[in-house]
Amino acid sequence: MPVSAVIFDLDGTLVDSEPLCNQAFLDLLPELTDSLEEVSQRYVGQKLADCIADLRRRLGCEVVGDEAVFSARYRERVAALFESGLKAMPGARELLSRLSHPMCIASSGPPEKIRHSLRLTGLHEFFGEERLFSAYQVGYWKPQPQLFQHAAKQLGVEASECVVVEDSPPGLEAGQRAGMQVVHYCPGKFDASLSRFEITELMDLPLVLERLR
């Protein structure tokens, strides 16, 4: 089956945002005694509302407070951390410059966060507004497949002809459920249990795409 389009996750795949997103939890909740690594492992690829629900169960509703209020504080803190430290993943710019396939972003984050991340890292030049898709726009979050299915439809290609590049288990599951080929980007390590195709560097992706031709 030919590859007609490449669909990228954003956080942890094209931009190195996961440590900053999880640091925001620690900054806002001094009662949370987890290490940054533990928070990252617990909440990787998770919907923010689910993360907040888990924190309320663990720390108590009185500590976390109202979900909507905490969510707004969290988004504000993440934006500040992004301004001071967000960077593209190693090889991201080189990869995007090299790929000739139609490509887009399908992220669980809200549209404004997607735009902010791309602008700060300089990756916005590779994706027009019509190539940015958010779970908040379709009302479904990974591991549900609808976000990826929506992206394929908007690109005008069959789901089976799309390759999804993801770093998290929920994202990989969503791509598989959408009927797409999935590539697990896992910097520095392999975990062959999650996907048929594994890459530890983004610049390995063209080799995978060549194998899929």
C-alpha atoms as a PDB file:
ATOM      1  CA  MET A   1       0.000   0.000   0.000  1.00  0.00           C
ATOM      2  CA  PRO A   2       1.536   3.374  -1.000  1.00  0.00           C
ATOM      3  CA  VAL A   3       2.112   6.078   1.602  1.00  0.00           C
ATOM      4  CA  SER A   4      -0.019   9.091   0.689  1.00  0.00           C
ATOM      5  CA  ALA A   5       0.431  11.182   3.859  1.00  0.00           C
ATOM      6  CA  VAL A   6       2.340  11.367   7.132  1.00  0.00           C
ATOM      7  CA  ILE A   7       0.466  12.373  10.287  1.00  0.00           C
ATOM      8  CA  PHE A   8       2.625  13.607  13.151  1.00  0.00           C
ATOM      9  CA  ASP A   9       1.827  13.795  16.804  1.00  0.00           C
ATOM     10  CA  LEU A  10       3.269  17.015  18.253  1.00  0.00           C
ATOM     11  CA  ASP A  11       4.193  16.781  21.949  1.00  0.00           C
ATOM     12  CA  GLY A  12       7.154  14.490  22.435  1.00  0.00           C
ATOM     13  CA  THR A  13       7.376  13.802  18.703  1.00  0.00           C
ATOM     14  CA  LEU A  14       8.170  17.067  16.922  1.00  0.00           C
ATOM     15  CA  VAL A  15       8.622  19.300  19.982  1.00  0.00           C
ATOM     16  CA  ASP A  16      10.311  18.437  23.274  1.00  0.00           C
ATOM     17  CA  SER A  17       7.377  19.558  25.375  1.00  0.00           C
ATOM     18  CA  GLU A  18       6.661  16.589  27.631  1.00  0.00           C
ATOM     19  CA  PRO A  19       9.155  17.553  30.385  1.00  0.00           C
ATOM     20  CA  LEU A  20       7.788  21.094  30.467  1.00  0.00           C
ATOM     21  CA  CYS A  21       4.157  19.979  30.505  1.00  0.00           C
ATOM     22  CA  ASN A  22       4.839  17.668  33.413  1.00  0.00           C
ATOM     23  CA  GLN A  23       6.984  20.203  35.245  1.00  0.00           C
ATOM     24  CA  ALA A  24       3.910  22.426  35.281  1.00  0.00           C
ATOM     25  CA  PHE A  25       2.087  19.864  37.449  1.00  0.00           C
ATOM     26  CA  LEU A  26       4.966  19.892  39.937  1.00  0.00           C
ATOM     27  CA  ASP A  27       5.136  23.683  39.956  1.00  0.00           C
ATOM     28  CA  LEU A  28       1.422  24.069  40.675  1.00  0.00           C
ATOM     29  CA  LEU A  29       1.122  21.190  43.154  1.00  0.00           C
ATOM     30  CA  PRO A  30       3.926  21.184  45.759  1.00  0.00           C
ATOM     31  CA  GLU A  31       1.995  18.387  47.488  1.00  0.00           C
ATOM     32  CA  LEU A  32       2.846  16.128  44.540  1.00  0.00           C
ATOM     33  CA  THR A  33       5.978  14.240  45.595  1.00  0.00           C
ATOM     34  CA  ASP A  34       6.551  12.352  42.329  1.00  0.00           C
ATOM     35  CA  SER A  35       9.758  12.956  40.402  1.00  0.00           C
ATOM     36  CA  LEU A  36       9.535  14.550  36.973  1.00  0.00           C
ATOM     37  CA  GLU A  37      10.239  11.155  35.401  1.00  0.00           C
ATOM     38  CA  GLU A  38       7.434   9.521  37.394  1.00  0.00           C
ATOM     39  CA  VAL A  39       4.945  12.214  36.416  1.00  0.00           C
ATOM     40  CA  SER A  40       6.015  11.917  32.781  1.00  0.00           C
ATOM     41  CA  GLN A  41       5.564   8.141  32.740  1.00  0.00           C
ATOM     42  CA  ARG A  42       2.191   8.363  34.441  1.00  0.00           C
ATOM     43  CA  TYR A  43       0.649  11.003  32.189  1.00  0.00           C
ATOM     44  CA  VAL A  44       2.328  10.514  28.804  1.00  0.00           C
ATOM     45  CA  GLY A  45      -0.226  10.913  26.030  1.00  0.00           C
ATOM     46  CA  GLN A  46      -3.103  11.422  28.446  1.00  0.00           C
ATOM     47  CA  LYS A  47      -5.968  13.876  28.089  1.00  0.00           C
ATOM     48  CA  LEU A  48      -5.555  16.810  30.505  1.00  0.00           C
ATOM     49  CA  ALA A  49      -8.967  16.227  32.069  1.00  0.00           C
ATOM     50  CA  ASP A  50      -7.966  12.646  32.870  1.00  0.00           C
ATOM     51  CA  CYS A  51      -4.690  13.809  34.402  1.00  0.00           C
ATOM     52  CA  ILE A  52      -6.528  16.300  36.597  1.00  0.00           C
ATOM     53  CA  ALA A  53      -9.060  13.650  37.645  1.00  0.00           C
ATOM     54  CA  ASP A  54      -6.197  11.367  38.658  1.00  0.00           C
ATOM     55  CA  LEU A  55      -4.510  14.145  40.615  1.00  0.00           C
ATOM     56  CA  ARG A  56      -7.753  14.907  42.431  1.00  0.00           C
ATOM     57  CA  ARG A  57      -8.056  11.244  43.415  1.00  0.00           C
ATOM     58  CA  ARG A  58      -4.467  11.078  44.593  1.00  0.00           C
ATOM     59  CA  LEU A  59      -4.106  14.427  46.346  1.00  0.00           C
ATOM     60  CA  GLY A  60      -7.695  15.285  47.200  1.00  0.00           C
ATOM     61  CA  CYS A  61     -10.171  17.617  45.557  1.00  0.00           C
ATOM     62  CA  GLU A  62      -9.406  20.362  48.070  1.00  0.00           C
ATOM     63  CA  VAL A  63      -5.724  20.377  47.009  1.00  0.00           C
ATOM     64  CA  VAL A  64      -6.253  20.425  43.243  1.00  0.00           C
ATOM     65  CA  GLY A  65      -9.408  22.516  43.381  1.00  0.00           C
ATOM     66  CA  ASP A  66     -11.945  23.103  40.626  1.00  0.00           C
ATOM     67  CA  GLU A  67     -11.054  21.335  37.387  1.00  0.00           C
ATOM     68  CA  ALA A  68     -11.725  24.324  35.139  1.00  0.00           C
ATOM     69  CA  VAL A  69      -9.744  26.698  37.369  1.00  0.00           C
ATOM     70  CA  PHE A  70      -6.804  24.313  37.639  1.00  0.00           C
ATOM     71  CA  SER A  71      -6.872  23.656  33.895  1.00  0.00           C
ATOM     72  CA  ALA A  72      -6.614  27.384  33.178  1.00  0.00           C
ATOM     73  CA  ARG A  73      -3.732  27.777  35.669  1.00  0.00           C
ATOM     74  CA  TYR A  74      -2.012  24.769  34.152  1.00  0.00           C
ATOM     75  CA  ARG A  75      -2.316  26.085  30.588  1.00  0.00           C
ATOM     76  CA  GLU A  76      -0.921  29.427  31.711  1.00  0.00           C
ATOM     77  CA  ARG A  77       2.047  27.787  33.444  1.00  0.00           C
ATOM     78  CA  VAL A  78       2.778  25.543  30.453  1.00  0.00           C
ATOM     79  CA  ALA A  79       2.725  28.552  28.113  1.00  0.00           C
ATOM     80  CA  ALA A  80       5.244  30.345  30.335  1.00  0.00           C
ATOM     81  CA  LEU A  81       7.533  27.316  30.444  1.00  0.00           C
ATOM     82  CA  PHE A  82       7.271  26.982  26.675  1.00  0.00           C
ATOM     83  CA  GLU A  83       8.309  30.618  26.202  1.00  0.00           C
ATOM     84  CA  SER A  84      11.466  30.052  28.209  1.00  0.00           C
ATOM     85  CA  GLY A  85      12.491  26.576  27.147  1.00  0.00           C
ATOM     86  CA  LEU A  86      10.566  24.815  24.363  1.00  0.00           C
ATOM     87  CA  LYS A  87      12.698  23.355  21.601  1.00  0.00           C
ATOM     88  CA  ALA A  88      12.112  21.174  18.561  1.00  0.00           C
ATOM     89  CA  MET A  89      13.050  17.522  18.887  1.00  0.00           C
ATOM     90  CA  PRO A  90      16.481  16.691  17.455  1.00  0.00           C
ATOM     91  CA  GLY A  91      16.227  16.231  13.703  1.00  0.00           C
ATOM     92  CA  ALA A  92      12.674  17.578  13.427  1.00  0.00           C
ATOM     93  CA  ARG A  93      13.475  20.521  11.151  1.00  0.00           C
ATOM     94  CA  GLU A  94      15.786  18.447   8.948  1.00  0.00           C
ATOM     95  CA  LEU A  95      13.160  15.711   8.625  1.00  0.00           C
ATOM     96  CA  LEU A  96      10.319  18.064   7.741  1.00  0.00           C
ATOM     97  CA  SER A  97      12.517  19.820   5.204  1.00  0.00           C
ATOM     98  CA  ARG A  98      13.317  16.502   3.561  1.00  0.00           C
ATOM     99  CA  LEU A  99       9.904  14.841   3.389  1.00  0.00           C
ATOM    100  CA  SER A 100       8.003  15.166   0.136  1.00  0.00           C
ATOM    101  CA  HIS A 101       4.817  13.496   1.387  1.00  0.00           C
ATOM    102  CA  PRO A 102       1.788  15.584   2.359  1.00  0.00           C
ATOM    103  CA  MET A 103       1.930  15.903   6.137  1.00  0.00           C
ATOM    104  CA  CYS A 104      -0.066  17.286   9.018  1.00  0.00           C
ATOM    105  CA  ILE A 105      -0.240  17.393  12.808  1.00  0.00           C
ATOM    106  CA  ALA A 106      -2.908  15.617  14.846  1.00  0.00           C
ATOM    107  CA  SER A 107      -2.555  16.507  18.520  1.00  0.00           C
ATOM    108  CA  SER A 108      -4.546  16.029  21.697  1.00  0.00           C
ATOM    109  CA  GLY A 109      -3.643  19.582  22.672  1.00  0.00           C
ATOM    110  CA  PRO A 110      -5.871  22.597  22.027  1.00  0.00           C
ATOM    111  CA  PRO A 111      -5.344  24.551  18.785  1.00  0.00           C
ATOM    112  CA  GLU A 112      -3.738  27.541  20.502  1.00  0.00           C
ATOM    113  CA  LYS A 113      -1.145  25.276  22.164  1.00  0.00           C
ATOM    114  CA  ILE A 114      -0.333  23.659  18.818  1.00  0.00           C
ATOM    115  CA  ARG A 115       0.198  27.043  17.157  1.00  0.00           C
ATOM    116  CA  HIS A 116       2.238  28.351  20.097  1.00  0.00           C
ATOM    117  CA  SER A 117       4.532  25.299  20.038  1.00  0.00           C
ATOM    118  CA  LEU A 118       5.131  25.515  16.307  1.00  0.00           C
ATOM    119  CA  ARG A 119       5.799  29.249  16.412  1.00  0.00           C
ATOM    120  CA  LEU A 120       8.299  28.999  19.266  1.00  0.00           C
ATOM    121  CA  THR A 121      10.235  26.184  17.620  1.00  0.00           C
ATOM    122  CA  GLY A 122      10.109  27.606  14.108  1.00  0.00           C
ATOM    123  CA  LEU A 123       8.278  24.567  12.746  1.00  0.00           C
ATOM    124  CA  HIS A 124       5.194  26.579  11.794  1.00  0.00           C
ATOM    125  CA  GLU A 125       6.594  27.122   8.298  1.00  0.00           C
ATOM    126  CA  PHE A 126       6.010  23.428   7.488  1.00  0.00           C
ATOM    127  CA  PHE A 127       2.311  23.369   8.401  1.00  0.00           C
ATOM    128  CA  GLY A 128      -0.433  25.669   7.205  1.00  0.00           C
ATOM    129  CA  GLU A 129      -3.471  26.213   9.399  1.00  0.00           C
ATOM    130  CA  GLU A 130      -5.379  23.679   7.297  1.00  0.00           C
ATOM    131  CA  ARG A 131      -2.828  21.009   8.294  1.00  0.00           C
ATOM    132  CA  LEU A 132      -3.315  21.376  12.070  1.00  0.00           C
ATOM    133  CA  PHE A 133      -5.855  19.089  13.720  1.00  0.00           C
ATOM    134  CA  SER A 134      -6.775  19.087  17.406  1.00  0.00           C
ATOM    135  CA  ALA A 135      -8.760  16.644  19.507  1.00  0.00           C
ATOM    136  CA  TYR A 136     -10.581  19.684  20.884  1.00  0.00           C
ATOM    137  CA  GLN A 137     -11.968  20.342  17.411  1.00  0.00           C
ATOM    138  CA  VAL A 138     -13.355  16.852  16.846  1.00  0.00           C
ATOM    139  CA  GLY A 139     -14.333  16.026  20.440  1.00  0.00           C
ATOM    140  CA  TYR A 140     -12.417  12.743  20.566  1.00  0.00           C
ATOM    141  CA  TRP A 141      -9.088  12.025  22.221  1.00  0.00           C
ATOM    142  CA  LYS A 142      -6.459   9.358  21.658  1.00  0.00           C
ATOM    143  CA  PRO A 143      -6.617   6.335  21.936  1.00  0.00           C
ATOM    144  CA  GLN A 144      -9.903   6.836  20.070  1.00  0.00           C
ATOM    145  CA  PRO A 145      -9.248   6.850  16.302  1.00  0.00           C
ATOM    146  CA  GLN A 146     -11.507   9.722  15.205  1.00  0.00           C
ATOM    147  CA  LEU A 147      -8.832  12.446  15.269  1.00  0.00           C
ATOM    148  CA  PHE A 148      -6.619  10.544  12.848  1.00  0.00           C
ATOM    149  CA  GLN A 149      -9.573   9.568  10.699  1.00  0.00           C
ATOM    150  CA  HIS A 150     -10.616  13.238  10.537  1.00  0.00           C
ATOM    151  CA  ALA A 151      -7.082  14.258   9.526  1.00  0.00           C
ATOM    152  CA  ALA A 152      -7.009  11.700   6.708  1.00  0.00           C
ATOM    153  CA  LYS A 153     -10.397  12.844   5.451  1.00  0.00           C
ATOM    154  CA  GLN A 154      -9.308  16.483   5.434  1.00  0.00           C
ATOM    155  CA  LEU A 155      -6.161  15.549   3.532  1.00  0.00           C
ATOM    156  CA  GLY A 156      -8.256  13.641   1.014  1.00  0.00           C
ATOM    157  CA  VAL A 157      -6.459  10.318   1.472  1.00  0.00           C
ATOM    158  CA  GLU A 158      -7.439   6.856   2.640  1.00  0.00           C
ATOM    159  CA  ALA A 159      -6.636   5.965   6.231  1.00  0.00           C
ATOM    160  CA  SER A 160      -4.826   2.848   5.076  1.00  0.00           C
ATOM    161  CA  GLU A 161      -2.423   5.043   3.084  1.00  0.00           C
ATOM    162  CA  CYS A 162      -1.415   7.155   6.087  1.00  0.00           C
ATOM    163  CA  VAL A 163       1.573   6.722   8.372  1.00  0.00           C
ATOM    164  CA  VAL A 164       1.229   7.995  11.938  1.00  0.00           C
ATOM    165  CA  VAL A 165       4.346   9.002  13.900  1.00  0.00           C
ATOM    166  CA  GLU A 166       3.728   8.865  17.651  1.00  0.00           C
ATOM    167  CA  ASP A 167       5.644   8.654  20.914  1.00  0.00           C
ATOM    168  CA  SER A 168       2.884   7.529  23.294  1.00  0.00           C
ATOM    169  CA  PRO A 169       0.883   4.320  23.733  1.00  0.00           C
ATOM    170  CA  PRO A 170      -2.499   6.116  23.425  1.00  0.00           C
ATOM    171  CA  GLY A 171      -1.400   7.701  20.153  1.00  0.00           C
ATOM    172  CA  LEU A 172      -0.071   4.448  18.739  1.00  0.00           C
ATOM    173  CA  GLU A 173      -3.305   2.691  19.649  1.00  0.00           C
ATOM    174  CA  ALA A 174      -5.347   5.463  18.024  1.00  0.00           C
ATOM    175  CA  GLY A 175      -3.383   5.123  14.792  1.00  0.00           C
ATOM    176  CA  GLN A 176      -3.795   1.368  14.744  1.00  0.00           C
ATOM    177  CA  ARG A 177      -7.520   1.634  15.428  1.00  0.00           C
ATOM    178  CA  ALA A 178      -7.794   4.150  12.572  1.00  0.00           C
ATOM    179  CA  GLY A 179      -6.384   1.522  10.207  1.00  0.00           C
ATOM    180  CA  MET A 180      -3.101   3.340   9.638  1.00  0.00           C
ATOM    181  CA  GLN A 181       0.527   2.267   9.699  1.00  0.00           C
ATOM    182  CA  VAL A 182       2.118   3.481  12.928  1.00  0.00           C
ATOM    183  CA  VAL A 183       5.715   4.350  13.681  1.00  0.00           C
ATOM    184  CA  HIS A 184       6.786   4.512  17.305  1.00  0.00           C
ATOM    185  CA  TYR A 185       9.280   7.314  17.912  1.00  0.00           C
ATOM    186  CA  CYS A 186      11.105   6.410  21.113  1.00  0.00           C
ATOM    187  CA  PRO A 187      14.325   8.423  21.489  1.00  0.00           C
ATOM    188  CA  GLY A 188      17.163   6.436  22.981  1.00  0.00           C
ATOM    189  CA  LYS A 189      15.362   3.121  23.344  1.00  0.00           C
ATOM    190  CA  PHE A 190      13.422   0.469  21.473  1.00  0.00           C
ATOM    191  CA  ASP A 191      10.103  -0.997  22.594  1.00  0.00           C
ATOM    192  CA  ALA A 192       9.054  -3.393  19.866  1.00  0.00           C
ATOM    193  CA  SER A 193       5.940  -4.426  21.766  1.00  0.00           C
ATOM    194  CA  LEU A 194       4.111  -1.216  20.806  1.00  0.00           C
ATOM    195  CA  SER A 195       4.554  -1.032  17.041  1.00  0.00           C
ATOM    196  CA  ARG A 196       5.848  -2.899  14.036  1.00  0.00           C
ATOM    197  CA  PHE A 197       8.097   0.052  13.204  1.00  0.00           C
ATOM    198  CA  GLU A 198      10.346   1.685  15.795  1.00  0.00           C
ATOM    199  CA  ILE A 199      12.723   4.621  15.372  1.00  0.00           C
ATOM    200  CA  THR A 200      15.017   6.236  17.921  1.00  0.00           C
ATOM    201  CA  GLU A 201      15.856   9.220  15.700  1.00  0.00           C
ATOM    202  CA  LEU A 202      13.456  11.215  13.554  1.00  0.00           C
ATOM    203  CA  MET A 203      15.808  11.082  10.592  1.00  0.00           C
ATOM    204  CA  ASP A 204      15.266   7.311  10.494  1.00  0.00           C
ATOM    205  CA  LEU A 205      11.692   7.896   9.322  1.00  0.00           C
ATOM    206  CA  PRO A 206      12.489   8.204   5.580  1.00  0.00           C
ATOM    207  CA  LEU A 207      13.945   4.682   5.678  1.00  0.00           C
ATOM    208  CA  VAL A 208      10.709   3.364   7.164  1.00  0.00           C
ATOM    209  CA  LEU A 209       8.637   5.186   4.546  1.00  0.00           C
ATOM    210  CA  GLU A 210      10.827   3.682   1.829  1.00  0.00           C
ATOM    211  CA  ARG A 211      10.127   0.185   3.199  1.00  0.00           C
ATOM    212  CA  LEU A 212       6.403   0.883   3.071  1.00  0.00           C
ATOM    213  CA  ARG A 213       6.378   1.814  -0.624  1.00  0.00           C
END
